[in-house]
Amino acid sequence: MTDTKTHINGWTEVILKEIVKINSSTISKNYSFNEIEYIDIASVENRNIQQIKRLKLSEAPSRAKRIVTDESTLINKISFKEYL
């Protein structure tokens, strides 16, 4: 673990990958379904998923093969937008 910095307001600065699981579950080629449900980050608004797309597993990009749970936090790496 890297050195941490505690700020005056009590927050501790850490490297994100040291405290969270990143892409811990993905769909393998042995997945038992031909289609998946895909959450496009643009369809997340005010802490709610507005639309879920259905994709053929064979045509889905690797980013679409991450397994999301109720406890998951989605992060947009392309551009910043607050999706809370």
PDB file of N, CA and C in Angstrom:
ATOM      1  N   MET A   1       0.845  -1.178   0.000  1.00  0.00           N
ATOM      2  CA  MET A   1       0.000   0.000   0.000  1.00  0.00           C
ATOM      3  C   MET A   1       0.889   1.240   0.000  1.00  0.00           C
ATOM      4  N   THR A   2       0.452   2.247  -0.682  1.00  0.00           N
ATOM      5  CA  THR A   2       1.232   3.474  -0.774  1.00  0.00           C
ATOM      6  C   THR A   2       1.021   4.345   0.460  1.00  0.00           C
ATOM      7  N   ASP A   3       1.857   5.351   0.570  1.00  0.00           N
ATOM      8  CA  ASP A   3       1.705   6.302   1.672  1.00  0.00           C
ATOM      9  C   ASP A   3       0.384   7.042   1.529  1.00  0.00           C
ATOM     10  N   THR A   4      -0.286   7.248   2.649  1.00  0.00           N
ATOM     11  CA  THR A   4      -1.546   7.989   2.624  1.00  0.00           C
ATOM     12  C   THR A   4      -1.325   9.366   3.220  1.00  0.00           C
ATOM     13  N   LYS A   5      -2.191  10.274   2.854  1.00  0.00           N
ATOM     14  CA  LYS A   5      -2.128  11.635   3.375  1.00  0.00           C
ATOM     15  C   LYS A   5      -3.460  11.944   4.031  1.00  0.00           C
ATOM     16  N   THR A   6      -3.436  12.362   5.286  1.00  0.00           N
ATOM     17  CA  THR A   6      -4.657  12.777   5.959  1.00  0.00           C
ATOM     18  C   THR A   6      -4.736  14.293   5.895  1.00  0.00           C
ATOM     19  N   HIS A   7      -5.855  14.765   5.416  1.00  0.00           N
ATOM     20  CA  HIS A   7      -6.049  16.205   5.263  1.00  0.00           C
ATOM     21  C   HIS A   7      -6.706  16.784   6.514  1.00  0.00           C
ATOM     22  N   ILE A   8      -6.680  18.084   6.627  1.00  0.00           N
ATOM     23  CA  ILE A   8      -7.215  18.782   7.788  1.00  0.00           C
ATOM     24  C   ILE A   8      -8.670  18.411   8.054  1.00  0.00           C
ATOM     25  N   ASN A   9      -9.455  18.235   7.004  1.00  0.00           N
ATOM     26  CA  ASN A   9     -10.879  17.944   7.192  1.00  0.00           C
ATOM     27  C   ASN A   9     -11.142  16.480   7.547  1.00  0.00           C
ATOM     28  N   GLY A  10     -10.101  15.681   7.715  1.00  0.00           N
ATOM     29  CA  GLY A  10     -10.267  14.293   8.143  1.00  0.00           C
ATOM     30  C   GLY A  10     -10.292  13.267   7.032  1.00  0.00           C
ATOM     31  N   TRP A  11     -10.337  13.704   5.785  1.00  0.00           N
ATOM     32  CA  TRP A  11     -10.331  12.771   4.665  1.00  0.00           C
ATOM     33  C   TRP A  11      -8.923  12.215   4.480  1.00  0.00           C
ATOM     34  N   THR A  12      -8.834  10.963   4.070  1.00  0.00           N
ATOM     35  CA  THR A  12      -7.548  10.350   3.792  1.00  0.00           C
ATOM     36  C   THR A  12      -7.420  10.129   2.295  1.00  0.00           C
ATOM     37  N   GLU A  13      -6.304  10.547   1.722  1.00  0.00           N
ATOM     38  CA  GLU A  13      -6.066  10.370   0.294  1.00  0.00           C
ATOM     39  C   GLU A  13      -5.449   8.991   0.064  1.00  0.00           C
ATOM     40  N   VAL A  14      -6.084   8.190  -0.790  1.00  0.00           N
ATOM     41  CA  VAL A  14      -5.590   6.846  -1.110  1.00  0.00           C
ATOM     42  C   VAL A  14      -5.695   6.624  -2.616  1.00  0.00           C
ATOM     43  N   ILE A  15      -5.083   5.564  -3.085  1.00  0.00           N
ATOM     44  CA  ILE A  15      -5.234   5.154  -4.475  1.00  0.00           C
ATOM     45  C   ILE A  15      -6.458   4.255  -4.545  1.00  0.00           C
ATOM     46  N   LEU A  16      -7.391   4.574  -5.445  1.00  0.00           N
ATOM     47  CA  LEU A  16      -8.684   3.902  -5.513  1.00  0.00           C
ATOM     48  C   LEU A  16      -8.563   2.384  -5.606  1.00  0.00           C
ATOM     49  N   LYS A  17      -7.673   1.872  -6.448  1.00  0.00           N
ATOM     50  CA  LYS A  17      -7.581   0.425  -6.634  1.00  0.00           C
ATOM     51  C   LYS A  17      -7.101  -0.314  -5.382  1.00  0.00           C
ATOM     52  N   GLU A  18      -6.598   0.418  -4.395  1.00  0.00           N
ATOM     53  CA  GLU A  18      -6.163  -0.207  -3.149  1.00  0.00           C
ATOM     54  C   GLU A  18      -7.311  -0.423  -2.167  1.00  0.00           C
ATOM     55  N   ILE A  19      -8.456   0.208  -2.401  1.00  0.00           N
ATOM     56  CA  ILE A  19      -9.560   0.079  -1.443  1.00  0.00           C
ATOM     57  C   ILE A  19     -10.847  -0.470  -2.054  1.00  0.00           C
ATOM     58  N   VAL A  20     -10.866  -0.683  -3.369  1.00  0.00           N
ATOM     59  CA  VAL A  20     -12.066  -1.214  -4.028  1.00  0.00           C
ATOM     60  C   VAL A  20     -11.689  -2.367  -4.955  1.00  0.00           C
ATOM     61  N   LYS A  21     -12.694  -3.152  -5.322  1.00  0.00           N
ATOM     62  CA  LYS A  21     -12.510  -4.191  -6.331  1.00  0.00           C
ATOM     63  C   LYS A  21     -12.933  -3.592  -7.664  1.00  0.00           C
ATOM     64  N   ILE A  22     -12.037  -3.606  -8.627  1.00  0.00           N
ATOM     65  CA  ILE A  22     -12.328  -3.041  -9.936  1.00  0.00           C
ATOM     66  C   ILE A  22     -12.547  -4.174 -10.930  1.00  0.00           C
ATOM     67  N   ASN A  23     -13.731  -4.192 -11.546  1.00  0.00           N
ATOM     68  CA  ASN A  23     -14.080  -5.227 -12.523  1.00  0.00           C
ATOM     69  C   ASN A  23     -13.818  -6.626 -11.977  1.00  0.00           C
ATOM     70  N   SER A  24     -14.275  -6.875 -10.761  1.00  0.00           N
ATOM     71  CA  SER A  24     -13.987  -8.151 -10.111  1.00  0.00           C
ATOM     72  C   SER A  24     -14.723  -9.328 -10.726  1.00  0.00           C
ATOM     73  N   SER A  25     -15.840  -9.090 -11.401  1.00  0.00           N
ATOM     74  CA  SER A  25     -16.597 -10.171 -12.034  1.00  0.00           C
ATOM     75  C   SER A  25     -16.896  -9.816 -13.483  1.00  0.00           C
ATOM     76  N   THR A  26     -16.535 -10.716 -14.377  1.00  0.00           N
ATOM     77  CA  THR A  26     -16.829 -10.518 -15.791  1.00  0.00           C
ATOM     78  C   THR A  26     -17.481 -11.771 -16.362  1.00  0.00           C
ATOM     79  N   ILE A  27     -18.156 -11.598 -17.475  1.00  0.00           N
ATOM     80  CA  ILE A  27     -18.812 -12.714 -18.153  1.00  0.00           C
ATOM     81  C   ILE A  27     -17.768 -13.444 -18.986  1.00  0.00           C
ATOM     82  N   SER A  28     -17.677 -14.748 -18.805  1.00  0.00           N
ATOM     83  CA  SER A  28     -16.722 -15.548 -19.572  1.00  0.00           C
ATOM     84  C   SER A  28     -17.382 -16.082 -20.839  1.00  0.00           C
ATOM     85  N   LYS A  29     -16.587 -16.702 -21.699  1.00  0.00           N
ATOM     86  CA  LYS A  29     -17.155 -17.270 -22.928  1.00  0.00           C
ATOM     87  C   LYS A  29     -18.018 -18.489 -22.642  1.00  0.00           C
ATOM     88  N   ASN A  30     -17.982 -19.012 -21.425  1.00  0.00           N
ATOM     89  CA  ASN A  30     -18.824 -20.141 -21.026  1.00  0.00           C
ATOM     90  C   ASN A  30     -20.153 -19.687 -20.422  1.00  0.00           C
ATOM     91  N   TYR A  31     -20.461 -18.407 -20.507  1.00  0.00           N
ATOM     92  CA  TYR A  31     -21.706 -17.848 -19.978  1.00  0.00           C
ATOM     93  C   TYR A  31     -22.886 -18.562 -20.624  1.00  0.00           C
ATOM     94  N   SER A  32     -23.889 -18.890 -19.843  1.00  0.00           N
ATOM     95  CA  SER A  32     -24.972 -19.753 -20.330  1.00  0.00           C
ATOM     96  C   SER A  32     -26.075 -19.036 -21.120  1.00  0.00           C
ATOM     97  N   PHE A  33     -25.968 -17.734 -21.329  1.00  0.00           N
ATOM     98  CA  PHE A  33     -26.991 -16.998 -22.072  1.00  0.00           C
ATOM     99  C   PHE A  33     -26.399 -16.400 -23.350  1.00  0.00           C
ATOM    100  N   ASN A  34     -27.228 -16.231 -24.375  1.00  0.00           N
ATOM    101  CA  ASN A  34     -26.786 -15.656 -25.652  1.00  0.00           C
ATOM    102  C   ASN A  34     -26.882 -14.142 -25.670  1.00  0.00           C
ATOM    103  N   GLU A  35     -27.690 -13.576 -24.768  1.00  0.00           N
ATOM    104  CA  GLU A  35     -27.863 -12.130 -24.688  1.00  0.00           C
ATOM    105  C   GLU A  35     -27.526 -11.644 -23.285  1.00  0.00           C
ATOM    106  N   ILE A  36     -27.143 -10.377 -23.211  1.00  0.00           N
ATOM    107  CA  ILE A  36     -26.876  -9.752 -21.916  1.00  0.00           C
ATOM    108  C   ILE A  36     -27.642  -8.439 -21.835  1.00  0.00           C
ATOM    109  N   GLU A  37     -27.827  -7.959 -20.617  1.00  0.00           N
ATOM    110  CA  GLU A  37     -28.391  -6.630 -20.395  1.00  0.00           C
ATOM    111  C   GLU A  37     -27.227  -5.674 -20.200  1.00  0.00           C
ATOM    112  N   TYR A  38     -27.248  -4.573 -20.925  1.00  0.00           N
ATOM    113  CA  TYR A  38     -26.143  -3.620 -20.941  1.00  0.00           C
ATOM    114  C   TYR A  38     -26.617  -2.266 -20.435  1.00  0.00           C
ATOM    115  N   ILE A  39     -25.874  -1.708 -19.488  1.00  0.00           N
ATOM    116  CA  ILE A  39     -26.176  -0.376 -18.964  1.00  0.00           C
ATOM    117  C   ILE A  39     -25.195   0.604 -19.592  1.00  0.00           C
ATOM    118  N   ASP A  40     -25.702   1.462 -20.442  1.00  0.00           N
ATOM    119  CA  ASP A  40     -24.898   2.527 -21.029  1.00  0.00           C
ATOM    120  C   ASP A  40     -24.821   3.642 -19.990  1.00  0.00           C
ATOM    121  N   ILE A  41     -23.638   4.160 -19.721  1.00  0.00           N
ATOM    122  CA  ILE A  41     -23.473   5.166 -18.669  1.00  0.00           C
ATOM    123  C   ILE A  41     -24.345   6.398 -18.934  1.00  0.00           C
ATOM    124  N   ALA A  42     -24.637   6.685 -20.194  1.00  0.00           N
ATOM    125  CA  ALA A  42     -25.494   7.830 -20.523  1.00  0.00           C
ATOM    126  C   ALA A  42     -26.933   7.612 -20.078  1.00  0.00           C
ATOM    127  N   SER A  43     -27.309   6.366 -19.810  1.00  0.00           N
ATOM    128  CA  SER A  43     -28.686   6.084 -19.388  1.00  0.00           C
ATOM    129  C   SER A  43     -28.842   6.085 -17.866  1.00  0.00           C
ATOM    130  N   VAL A  44     -27.788   6.473 -17.144  1.00  0.00           N
ATOM    131  CA  VAL A  44     -27.862   6.593 -15.685  1.00  0.00           C
ATOM    132  C   VAL A  44     -28.092   8.060 -15.345  1.00  0.00           C
ATOM    133  N   GLU A  45     -29.160   8.315 -14.586  1.00  0.00           N
ATOM    134  CA  GLU A  45     -29.523   9.695 -14.264  1.00  0.00           C
ATOM    135  C   GLU A  45     -30.144   9.748 -12.872  1.00  0.00           C
ATOM    136  N   ASN A  46     -29.667  10.663 -12.051  1.00  0.00           N
ATOM    137  CA  ASN A  46     -30.208  10.843 -10.701  1.00  0.00           C
ATOM    138  C   ASN A  46     -30.275   9.532  -9.914  1.00  0.00           C
ATOM    139  N   ARG A  47     -29.181   8.783  -9.944  1.00  0.00           N
ATOM    140  CA  ARG A  47     -29.055   7.509  -9.219  1.00  0.00           C
ATOM    141  C   ARG A  47     -29.967   6.409  -9.739  1.00  0.00           C
ATOM    142  N   ASN A  48     -30.521   6.582 -10.917  1.00  0.00           N
ATOM    143  CA  ASN A  48     -31.424   5.587 -11.497  1.00  0.00           C
ATOM    144  C   ASN A  48     -30.984   5.212 -12.900  1.00  0.00           C
ATOM    145  N   ILE A  49     -31.164   3.942 -13.232  1.00  0.00           N
ATOM    146  CA  ILE A  49     -30.912   3.464 -14.584  1.00  0.00           C
ATOM    147  C   ILE A  49     -32.179   3.717 -15.385  1.00  0.00           C
ATOM    148  N   GLN A  50     -32.084   4.557 -16.398  1.00  0.00           N
ATOM    149  CA  GLN A  50     -33.245   4.932 -17.198  1.00  0.00           C
ATOM    150  C   GLN A  50     -33.578   3.897 -18.266  1.00  0.00           C
ATOM    151  N   GLN A  51     -32.551   3.225 -18.793  1.00  0.00           N
ATOM    152  CA  GLN A  51     -32.764   2.272 -19.874  1.00  0.00           C
ATOM    153  C   GLN A  51     -31.698   1.181 -19.810  1.00  0.00           C
ATOM    154  N   ILE A  52     -32.108  -0.057 -20.053  1.00  0.00           N
ATOM    155  CA  ILE A  52     -31.188  -1.186 -20.147  1.00  0.00           C
ATOM    156  C   ILE A  52     -31.298  -1.741 -21.560  1.00  0.00           C
ATOM    157  N   LYS A  53     -30.163  -1.849 -22.234  1.00  0.00           N
ATOM    158  CA  LYS A  53     -30.149  -2.380 -23.596  1.00  0.00           C
ATOM    159  C   LYS A  53     -29.884  -3.884 -23.555  1.00  0.00           C
ATOM    160  N   ARG A  54     -30.412  -4.599 -24.526  1.00  0.00           N
ATOM    161  CA  ARG A  54     -30.128  -6.021 -24.680  1.00  0.00           C
ATOM    162  C   ARG A  54     -29.163  -6.169 -25.856  1.00  0.00           C
ATOM    163  N   LEU A  55     -28.065  -6.885 -25.619  1.00  0.00           N
ATOM    164  CA  LEU A  55     -27.064  -7.106 -26.658  1.00  0.00           C
ATOM    165  C   LEU A  55     -26.809  -8.594 -26.822  1.00  0.00           C
ATOM    166  N   LYS A  56     -26.506  -9.011 -28.046  1.00  0.00           N
ATOM    167  CA  LYS A  56     -26.055 -10.383 -28.262  1.00  0.00           C
ATOM    168  C   LYS A  56     -24.674 -10.498 -27.636  1.00  0.00           C
ATOM    169  N   LEU A  57     -24.447 -11.529 -26.878  1.00  0.00           N
ATOM    170  CA  LEU A  57     -23.169 -11.698 -26.192  1.00  0.00           C
ATOM    171  C   LEU A  57     -22.011 -11.702 -27.184  1.00  0.00           C
ATOM    172  N   SER A  58     -22.204 -12.334 -28.323  1.00  0.00           N
ATOM    173  CA  SER A  58     -21.140 -12.428 -29.334  1.00  0.00           C
ATOM    174  C   SER A  58     -20.774 -11.069 -29.927  1.00  0.00           C
ATOM    175  N   GLU A  59     -21.668 -10.092 -29.850  1.00  0.00           N
ATOM    176  CA  GLU A  59     -21.429  -8.764 -30.420  1.00  0.00           C
ATOM    177  C   GLU A  59     -21.107  -7.707 -29.363  1.00  0.00           C
ATOM    178  N   ALA A  60     -21.160  -8.080 -28.106  1.00  0.00           N
ATOM    179  CA  ALA A  60     -20.965  -7.114 -27.018  1.00  0.00           C
ATOM    180  C   ALA A  60     -19.487  -6.772 -26.843  1.00  0.00           C
ATOM    181  N   PRO A  61     -19.169  -5.481 -26.663  1.00  0.00           N
ATOM    182  CA  PRO A  61     -17.783  -5.097 -26.387  1.00  0.00           C
ATOM    183  C   PRO A  61     -17.365  -5.577 -24.997  1.00  0.00           C
ATOM    184  N   SER A  62     -16.075  -5.656 -24.749  1.00  0.00           N
ATOM    185  CA  SER A  62     -15.586  -6.172 -23.460  1.00  0.00           C
ATOM    186  C   SER A  62     -16.108  -5.359 -22.282  1.00  0.00           C
ATOM    187  N   ARG A  63     -16.290  -4.052 -22.454  1.00  0.00           N
ATOM    188  CA  ARG A  63     -16.796  -3.223 -21.354  1.00  0.00           C
ATOM    189  C   ARG A  63     -18.217  -3.607 -20.973  1.00  0.00           C
ATOM    190  N   ALA A  64     -18.940  -4.268 -21.878  1.00  0.00           N
ATOM    191  CA  ALA A  64     -20.315  -4.682 -21.605  1.00  0.00           C
ATOM    192  C   ALA A  64     -20.368  -6.006 -20.857  1.00  0.00           C
ATOM    193  N   LYS A  65     -19.228  -6.613 -20.618  1.00  0.00           N
ATOM    194  CA  LYS A  65     -19.189  -7.937 -19.995  1.00  0.00           C
ATOM    195  C   LYS A  65     -18.809  -7.890 -18.518  1.00  0.00           C
ATOM    196  N   ARG A  66     -18.946  -6.731 -17.916  1.00  0.00           N
ATOM    197  CA  ARG A  66     -18.720  -6.584 -16.478  1.00  0.00           C
ATOM    198  C   ARG A  66     -20.027  -6.882 -15.757  1.00  0.00           C
ATOM    199  N   ILE A  67     -19.952  -7.641 -14.688  1.00  0.00           N
ATOM    200  CA  ILE A  67     -21.158  -7.987 -13.939  1.00  0.00           C
ATOM    201  C   ILE A  67     -21.410  -6.921 -12.877  1.00  0.00           C
ATOM    202  N   VAL A  68     -22.615  -6.365 -12.886  1.00  0.00           N
ATOM    203  CA  VAL A  68     -23.010  -5.301 -11.965  1.00  0.00           C
ATOM    204  C   VAL A  68     -23.953  -5.877 -10.917  1.00  0.00           C
ATOM    205  N   THR A  69     -23.760  -5.478  -9.656  1.00  0.00           N
ATOM    206  CA  THR A  69     -24.643  -5.890  -8.566  1.00  0.00           C
ATOM    207  C   THR A  69     -25.277  -4.656  -7.940  1.00  0.00           C
ATOM    208  N   ASP A  70     -26.151  -4.875  -6.968  1.00  0.00           N
ATOM    209  CA  ASP A  70     -26.783  -3.747  -6.264  1.00  0.00           C
ATOM    210  C   ASP A  70     -25.758  -2.856  -5.575  1.00  0.00           C
ATOM    211  N   GLU A  71     -24.618  -3.408  -5.203  1.00  0.00           N
ATOM    212  CA  GLU A  71     -23.591  -2.647  -4.489  1.00  0.00           C
ATOM    213  C   GLU A  71     -22.576  -1.995  -5.426  1.00  0.00           C
ATOM    214  N   SER A  72     -22.707  -2.193  -6.723  1.00  0.00           N
ATOM    215  CA  SER A  72     -21.725  -1.682  -7.680  1.00  0.00           C
ATOM    216  C   SER A  72     -21.778  -0.163  -7.800  1.00  0.00           C
ATOM    217  N   THR A  73     -20.618   0.415  -8.056  1.00  0.00           N
ATOM    218  CA  THR A  73     -20.504   1.824  -8.386  1.00  0.00           C
ATOM    219  C   THR A  73     -20.004   1.899  -9.819  1.00  0.00           C
ATOM    220  N   LEU A  74     -20.717   2.620 -10.674  1.00  0.00           N
ATOM    221  CA  LEU A  74     -20.324   2.760 -12.068  1.00  0.00           C
ATOM    222  C   LEU A  74     -19.537   4.047 -12.232  1.00  0.00           C
ATOM    223  N   ILE A  75     -18.404   3.948 -12.914  1.00  0.00           N
ATOM    224  CA  ILE A  75     -17.554   5.111 -13.129  1.00  0.00           C
ATOM    225  C   ILE A  75     -17.349   5.293 -14.622  1.00  0.00           C
ATOM    226  N   ASN A  76     -17.569   6.506 -15.100  1.00  0.00           N
ATOM    227  CA  ASN A  76     -17.364   6.847 -16.499  1.00  0.00           C
ATOM    228  C   ASN A  76     -15.921   7.303 -16.669  1.00  0.00           C
ATOM    229  N   LYS A  77     -15.135   6.564 -17.417  1.00  0.00           N
ATOM    230  CA  LYS A  77     -13.731   6.911 -17.610  1.00  0.00           C
ATOM    231  C   LYS A  77     -13.501   7.812 -18.822  1.00  0.00           C
ATOM    232  N   ILE A  78     -14.499   8.023 -19.648  1.00  0.00           N
ATOM    233  CA  ILE A  78     -14.339   8.801 -20.873  1.00  0.00           C
ATOM    234  C   ILE A  78     -14.381  10.304 -20.596  1.00  0.00           C
ATOM    235  N   SER A  79     -15.447  10.765 -19.965  1.00  0.00           N
ATOM    236  CA  SER A  79     -15.586  12.183 -19.646  1.00  0.00           C
ATOM    237  C   SER A  79     -16.360  12.312 -18.343  1.00  0.00           C
ATOM    238  N   PHE A  80     -16.171  13.404 -17.651  1.00  0.00           N
ATOM    239  CA  PHE A  80     -16.810  13.574 -16.353  1.00  0.00           C
ATOM    240  C   PHE A  80     -18.253  14.016 -16.505  1.00  0.00           C
ATOM    241  N   LYS A  81     -19.118  13.350 -15.781  1.00  0.00           N
ATOM    242  CA  LYS A  81     -20.513  13.771 -15.645  1.00  0.00           C
ATOM    243  C   LYS A  81     -20.977  13.209 -14.314  1.00  0.00           C
ATOM    244  N   GLU A  82     -21.667  13.982 -13.557  1.00  0.00           N
ATOM    245  CA  GLU A  82     -22.142  13.498 -12.263  1.00  0.00           C
ATOM    246  C   GLU A  82     -23.375  12.636 -12.482  1.00  0.00           C
ATOM    247  N   TYR A  83     -23.285  11.362 -12.112  1.00  0.00           N
ATOM    248  CA  TYR A  83     -24.376  10.417 -12.304  1.00  0.00           C
ATOM    249  C   TYR A  83     -25.002  10.013 -10.981  1.00  0.00           C
ATOM    250  N   LEU A  84     -24.983  10.882 -10.001  1.00  0.00           N
ATOM    251  CA  LEU A  84     -25.524  10.538  -8.686  1.00  0.00           C
ATOM    252  C   LEU A  84     -27.006  10.734  -8.625  1.00  0.00           C
TER     253      LEU A  84
END
